Amino acid sequence: MGDRSTREVHSEYSLLTSCSFPLTVRRGQSKAEEEESLMDCHWHPEAEWFFVMEGELLFQVDTECFRVAAGEAVFLDGGEVHAAYSISGTACAYCSIVFNPSMLTCSIPDLIEQTIVSPLQQRKRTFPRHVKGIHPWEQQIVHFIRLIMEADESKNTCYEAAIKGYLFLMLPILAADGCSVNRSQPQPAEQDKMLRLKQVIQHMQLHYTRTIRSAELAELVRMSEGQFCRFFKSMTRKTPIEYLNAYRVMRAAELLRGSSRKISDIAADVGFDHNSYFVRVFRKATGYSPTQFRKAAIGTSGE
């Protein structure tokens, strides 16, 4: 499928696909003719390495925004709200490695778990946010990220063992002086903002199949409707209805891929009252009509 649909439907809201190997590698790209969202604000309980393979993009973690260029990586602790945006006129390609740090623990707790893995899980000794590949230890991390990507792409026999090994090889870096940070105690004001945002987004995800108005969302976080809309736009770069519709489109795309049901039924199931409005919103988000998207998805799955 084309770049645009790959970009817009990419999502990490769902849990990891496998409990037996709790790690997922996803790739995305954008031609970026204009600035737009590559991944809407979201979070997940797992940790993540986000790596830019080509170009440059704008990355957001909680309330912080910064540029990430090719060859650079971002580390996310579980539960952190994050998003990615294209930069006008700059094409990019990126990869996310989402994993549960518990996969690095063992049945019999040892010194490694006590001194490195547990502090990583607790955010007391975690990886720096932005790894630019300048220092030798940063270059090591980028090297291991590339090896994980290669192993995942090859899917050779026991490739999972190789990936897990590369994650383990990153751990000694945390033990070196100046190569780790403590993010276990966030600023109260920032934490309050993120809790409010999460509360609203969770409400959208639970009730997206019905009509949701801004006033309802504002009441959840005890704000006036105007104050809430300004707050939400400042945090997500979208209005509440734009964000909600993007989530509905994502859910519709999943249904289009996995069923042969009528387009109008799918539109109604994800919260759109009018099929024509659904088609217009879906086309704007993905570059395809729902019918074209379904055909392209079927063609891709059959390759």
Protein backbone atom coordinates (compact mmCIF):
# COMPACT_ATOMS: atom_id res chain seq x y z
CA MET A 1 0.00 0.00 0.00
CA GLY A 2 1.07 3.60 -0.48
CA ASP A 3 3.07 5.69 1.96
CA ARG A 4 0.15 7.70 3.21
CA SER A 5 -2.05 4.83 4.33
CA THR A 6 0.93 3.09 5.92
CA ARG A 7 1.65 6.22 7.87
CA GLU A 8 -1.81 7.14 9.06
CA VAL A 9 -3.01 3.68 10.06
CA HIS A 10 0.20 2.80 11.89
CA SER A 11 -0.66 2.45 15.56
CA GLU A 12 0.71 1.17 18.83
CA TYR A 13 -2.47 1.40 20.88
CA SER A 14 -2.87 -2.37 20.89
CA LEU A 15 -0.88 -4.70 23.11
CA LEU A 16 2.05 -6.71 21.81
CA THR A 17 0.96 -9.41 19.39
CA SER A 18 2.74 -12.26 21.21
CA CYS A 19 2.99 -13.08 24.91
CA SER A 20 5.63 -15.73 24.25
CA PHE A 21 7.94 -13.13 22.66
CA PRO A 22 6.83 -9.67 23.86
CA LEU A 23 8.54 -7.56 21.20
CA THR A 24 7.19 -6.03 18.01
CA VAL A 25 9.08 -4.20 15.25
CA ARG A 26 7.08 -1.79 13.07
CA ARG A 27 8.19 0.39 10.19
CA GLY A 28 6.67 3.50 8.61
CA GLN A 29 7.47 6.15 6.04
CA SER A 30 6.16 9.44 4.71
CA LYS A 31 6.69 11.53 1.59
CA ALA A 32 5.84 14.54 3.76
CA GLU A 33 4.59 16.98 1.18
CA GLU A 34 3.31 18.96 4.15
CA GLU A 35 3.56 18.77 7.93
CA GLU A 36 1.23 16.11 9.34
CA SER A 37 0.92 13.48 12.01
CA LEU A 38 2.86 10.23 11.54
CA MET A 39 1.61 8.82 14.86
CA ASP A 40 -1.02 10.50 16.98
CA CYS A 41 -0.44 10.96 20.72
CA HIS A 42 -0.66 7.56 22.40
CA TRP A 43 1.06 5.40 24.98
CA HIS A 44 1.54 1.77 25.92
CA PRO A 45 2.86 -0.03 28.99
CA GLU A 46 5.88 -1.38 27.12
CA ALA A 47 9.21 0.36 26.53
CA GLU A 48 10.19 1.44 23.02
CA TRP A 49 13.16 2.31 20.85
CA PHE A 50 12.12 4.65 18.03
CA PHE A 51 14.72 4.95 15.25
CA VAL A 52 14.80 7.27 12.23
CA MET A 53 16.27 5.51 9.20
CA GLU A 54 15.96 8.30 6.64
CA GLY A 55 15.15 12.01 6.68
CA GLU A 56 14.08 13.91 9.77
CA LEU A 57 10.92 14.26 11.86
CA LEU A 58 9.56 16.02 14.93
CA PHE A 59 9.07 13.80 17.97
CA GLN A 60 6.98 14.51 21.05
CA VAL A 61 7.28 12.88 24.47
CA ASP A 62 4.76 14.19 26.99
CA THR A 63 5.12 17.99 26.64
CA GLU A 64 8.62 17.97 25.09
CA CYS A 65 9.15 18.26 21.31
CA PHE A 66 12.47 17.85 19.46
CA ARG A 67 13.80 16.99 16.01
CA VAL A 68 15.17 13.52 15.32
CA ALA A 69 17.37 13.00 12.25
CA ALA A 70 18.45 9.91 10.35
CA GLY A 71 20.66 7.65 12.46
CA GLU A 72 19.22 8.96 15.73
CA ALA A 73 17.02 7.13 18.26
CA VAL A 74 14.55 7.94 21.01
CA PHE A 75 13.97 5.78 24.09
CA LEU A 76 10.54 5.67 25.73
CA ASP A 77 9.76 4.23 29.13
CA GLY A 78 6.43 2.45 29.45
CA GLY A 79 3.42 4.72 29.83
CA GLU A 80 4.93 7.84 28.29
CA VAL A 81 2.67 9.72 25.88
CA HIS A 82 4.39 10.19 22.53
CA ALA A 83 3.74 11.19 18.93
CA ALA A 84 5.64 11.84 15.71
CA TYR A 85 5.11 14.50 13.05
CA SER A 86 6.56 14.96 9.61
CA ILE A 87 8.44 18.14 8.76
CA SER A 88 7.09 19.95 5.71
CA GLY A 89 8.97 18.96 2.57
CA THR A 90 11.08 16.30 4.34
CA ALA A 91 10.50 12.62 3.56
CA CYS A 92 11.33 10.16 6.31
CA ALA A 93 11.42 6.48 7.20
CA TYR A 94 11.34 5.18 10.74
CA CYS A 95 11.13 2.06 12.85
CA SER A 96 9.73 1.39 16.33
CA ILE A 97 10.83 -1.50 18.52
CA VAL A 98 8.24 -2.01 21.26
CA PHE A 99 9.14 -4.50 23.97
CA ASN A 100 8.31 -5.53 27.50
CA PRO A 101 11.44 -5.14 29.68
CA SER A 102 10.26 -8.13 31.72
CA MET A 103 11.59 -10.27 28.87
CA LEU A 104 15.05 -9.40 30.24
CA THR A 105 14.31 -10.85 33.67
CA CYS A 106 14.84 -14.46 34.70
CA SER A 107 13.08 -16.97 36.93
CA ILE A 108 15.91 -16.78 39.47
CA PRO A 109 16.72 -13.09 40.18
CA ASP A 110 20.41 -12.44 39.68
CA LEU A 111 22.83 -9.54 40.01
CA ILE A 112 22.04 -8.23 36.50
CA GLU A 113 18.33 -8.06 37.26
CA GLN A 114 18.88 -6.37 40.61
CA THR A 115 21.41 -3.75 39.46
CA ILE A 116 20.33 -3.04 35.85
CA VAL A 117 17.00 -4.53 34.75
CA SER A 118 14.93 -3.59 37.82
CA PRO A 119 16.19 0.03 37.88
CA LEU A 120 15.36 0.21 34.15
CA GLN A 121 11.81 -0.99 34.80
CA GLN A 122 11.47 1.51 37.65
CA ARG A 123 12.95 4.35 35.51
CA LYS A 124 15.59 4.96 38.17
CA ARG A 125 18.36 4.10 35.72
CA THR A 126 17.04 4.27 32.19
CA PHE A 127 18.39 5.21 28.76
CA PRO A 128 18.77 8.90 27.84
CA ARG A 129 15.82 10.22 25.84
CA HIS A 130 17.56 11.25 22.61
CA VAL A 131 20.45 9.10 21.36
CA LYS A 132 22.23 11.01 18.60
CA GLY A 133 25.03 8.57 17.77
CA ILE A 134 27.79 11.06 18.64
CA HIS A 135 29.45 9.34 21.60
CA PRO A 136 30.82 5.78 21.34
CA TRP A 137 28.11 4.41 23.68
CA GLU A 138 25.44 6.05 21.53
CA GLN A 139 26.96 4.48 18.42
CA GLN A 140 26.77 1.10 20.17
CA ILE A 141 23.06 1.55 20.83
CA VAL A 142 22.37 2.54 17.22
CA HIS A 143 24.37 -0.48 16.07
CA PHE A 144 22.28 -2.86 18.20
CA ILE A 145 19.03 -1.23 17.00
CA ARG A 146 20.07 -1.84 13.40
CA LEU A 147 20.92 -5.47 14.21
CA ILE A 148 17.49 -5.96 15.82
CA MET A 149 15.84 -4.55 12.69
CA GLU A 150 17.90 -6.83 10.44
CA ALA A 151 17.11 -9.91 12.54
CA ASP A 152 13.40 -9.11 12.54
CA GLU A 153 13.38 -8.58 8.78
CA SER A 154 15.24 -11.81 8.06
CA LYS A 155 13.11 -13.97 10.40
CA ASN A 156 15.86 -16.59 10.32
CA THR A 157 15.67 -19.62 12.60
CA CYS A 158 15.78 -18.47 16.25
CA TYR A 159 15.93 -14.81 15.20
CA GLU A 160 14.13 -14.05 18.49
CA ALA A 161 17.19 -15.25 20.40
CA ALA A 162 19.38 -12.86 18.42
CA ILE A 163 17.05 -9.93 19.13
CA LYS A 164 16.94 -10.71 22.84
CA GLY A 165 20.72 -10.97 22.84
CA TYR A 166 21.07 -7.52 21.29
CA LEU A 167 18.79 -6.07 23.98
CA PHE A 168 20.97 -7.67 26.64
CA LEU A 169 24.08 -6.21 25.02
CA MET A 170 22.61 -2.73 25.51
CA LEU A 171 22.36 -3.21 29.28
CA PRO A 172 26.06 -2.70 30.17
CA ILE A 173 25.75 0.81 28.71
CA LEU A 174 23.37 1.70 31.56
CA ALA A 175 26.05 0.77 34.10
CA ALA A 176 28.59 3.23 32.65
CA ASP A 177 28.95 6.70 34.16
CA GLY A 178 26.96 9.41 32.38
CA CYS A 179 25.08 6.94 30.16
CA SER A 180 21.82 6.68 32.12
CA VAL A 181 19.21 9.01 33.58
CA ASN A 182 16.64 8.93 36.38
CA ARG A 183 13.05 9.56 35.22
CA SER A 184 11.30 8.02 38.23
CA GLN A 185 10.05 11.36 39.61
CA PRO A 186 8.29 13.50 36.97
CA GLN A 187 7.41 17.14 37.64
CA PRO A 188 3.98 17.38 39.35
CA ALA A 189 2.65 20.02 36.92
CA GLU A 190 3.67 17.98 33.87
CA GLN A 191 2.33 14.79 35.41
CA ASP A 192 -1.06 16.43 35.99
CA LYS A 193 -1.27 17.49 32.33
CA MET A 194 -0.47 14.01 31.12
CA LEU A 195 -2.95 12.35 33.48
CA ARG A 196 -5.71 14.64 32.18
CA LEU A 197 -4.77 13.94 28.58
CA LYS A 198 -4.72 10.19 29.18
CA GLN A 199 -8.10 10.33 30.89
CA VAL A 200 -9.63 12.05 27.87
CA ILE A 201 -8.01 9.77 25.30
CA GLN A 202 -9.00 6.65 27.22
CA HIS A 203 -12.59 7.92 27.28
CA MET A 204 -12.48 8.42 23.50
CA GLN A 205 -11.11 4.93 22.95
CA LEU A 206 -13.78 3.36 25.15
CA HIS A 207 -16.74 5.28 23.67
CA TYR A 208 -15.67 6.11 20.08
CA THR A 209 -18.60 4.12 18.68
CA ARG A 210 -21.08 6.77 19.86
CA THR A 211 -21.31 10.54 19.61
CA ILE A 212 -18.80 12.31 21.87
CA ARG A 213 -18.89 16.07 22.28
CA SER A 214 -16.18 18.43 23.52
CA ALA A 215 -18.32 19.49 26.47
CA GLU A 216 -18.44 15.87 27.67
CA LEU A 217 -14.66 15.57 27.51
CA ALA A 218 -14.15 18.95 29.21
CA GLU A 219 -16.34 17.86 32.10
CA LEU A 220 -14.17 14.78 32.63
CA VAL A 221 -11.13 16.93 33.43
CA ARG A 222 -13.02 19.78 35.08
CA MET A 223 -12.32 22.45 32.48
CA SER A 224 -14.51 24.83 30.56
CA GLU A 225 -15.12 23.68 27.00
CA GLY A 226 -12.99 26.48 25.55
CA GLN A 227 -10.14 25.88 28.01
CA PHE A 228 -10.24 22.15 27.31
CA CYS A 229 -10.14 22.56 23.51
CA ARG A 230 -7.08 24.85 23.80
CA PHE A 231 -5.43 22.39 26.19
CA PHE A 232 -6.09 19.38 23.95
CA LYS A 233 -4.85 21.16 20.80
CA SER A 234 -1.67 22.28 22.56
CA MET A 235 -0.95 18.70 23.65
CA THR A 236 -1.86 16.78 20.49
CA ARG A 237 -1.80 19.31 17.62
CA LYS A 238 -5.36 18.22 16.84
CA THR A 239 -8.81 19.31 17.91
CA PRO A 240 -10.73 16.72 19.96
CA ILE A 241 -12.92 15.80 16.97
CA GLU A 242 -9.86 15.49 14.67
CA TYR A 243 -8.21 13.14 17.14
CA LEU A 244 -11.40 11.14 17.65
CA ASN A 245 -11.95 10.78 13.91
CA ALA A 246 -8.34 9.65 13.42
CA TYR A 247 -8.89 6.92 16.01
CA ARG A 248 -12.15 5.92 14.33
CA VAL A 249 -10.38 5.71 10.97
CA MET A 250 -7.74 3.46 12.52
CA ARG A 251 -10.43 1.14 13.86
CA ALA A 252 -12.28 1.20 10.55
CA ALA A 253 -9.07 0.25 8.73
CA GLU A 254 -8.73 -2.81 10.97
CA LEU A 255 -12.30 -3.85 10.13
CA LEU A 256 -11.77 -3.25 6.42
CA ARG A 257 -8.70 -5.48 6.47
CA GLY A 258 -10.34 -8.26 8.44
CA SER A 259 -13.89 -8.52 7.11
CA SER A 260 -16.06 -8.24 4.02
CA ARG A 261 -18.82 -6.31 5.76
CA LYS A 262 -20.53 -3.35 4.10
CA ILE A 263 -18.70 -0.03 4.23
CA SER A 264 -21.78 1.68 5.69
CA ASP A 265 -21.98 -0.90 8.51
CA ILE A 266 -18.33 -0.38 9.37
CA ALA A 267 -18.81 3.39 9.35
CA ALA A 268 -21.68 3.06 11.82
CA ASP A 269 -19.73 0.65 14.02
CA VAL A 270 -16.86 3.11 14.50
CA GLY A 271 -19.07 6.09 15.30
CA PHE A 272 -19.79 7.84 12.00
CA ASP A 273 -23.45 8.78 11.59
CA HIS A 274 -23.22 9.42 7.84
CA ASN A 275 -21.44 7.18 5.34
CA SER A 276 -20.53 10.09 3.04
CA TYR A 277 -18.80 11.90 5.92
CA PHE A 278 -16.95 8.70 6.85
CA VAL A 279 -15.67 8.26 3.28
CA ARG A 280 -14.49 11.88 3.17
CA VAL A 281 -12.67 11.65 6.52
CA PHE A 282 -11.16 8.25 5.66
CA ARG A 283 -9.87 9.47 2.29
CA LYS A 284 -8.32 12.58 3.85
CA ALA A 285 -6.55 10.50 6.50
CA THR A 286 -5.27 7.65 4.33
CA GLY A 287 -5.30 8.87 0.74
CA TYR A 288 -7.72 6.05 -0.15
CA SER A 289 -11.47 5.59 -0.16
CA PRO A 290 -12.56 2.73 2.14
CA THR A 291 -13.20 0.53 -0.92
CA GLN A 292 -9.75 1.28 -2.39
CA PHE A 293 -8.14 0.66 1.00
CA ARG A 294 -9.81 -2.74 1.32
CA LYS A 295 -8.70 -3.78 -2.17
CA ALA A 296 -5.14 -2.64 -1.53
CA ALA A 297 -5.06 -4.42 1.85
CA ILE A 298 -6.31 -7.68 0.30
CA GLY A 299 -3.72 -7.36 -2.48
CA THR A 300 -0.92 -6.78 0.03
CA SER A 301 -1.93 -9.70 2.24
CA GLY A 302 -1.95 -12.00 -0.78
CA GLU A 303 1.59 -11.18 -1.85
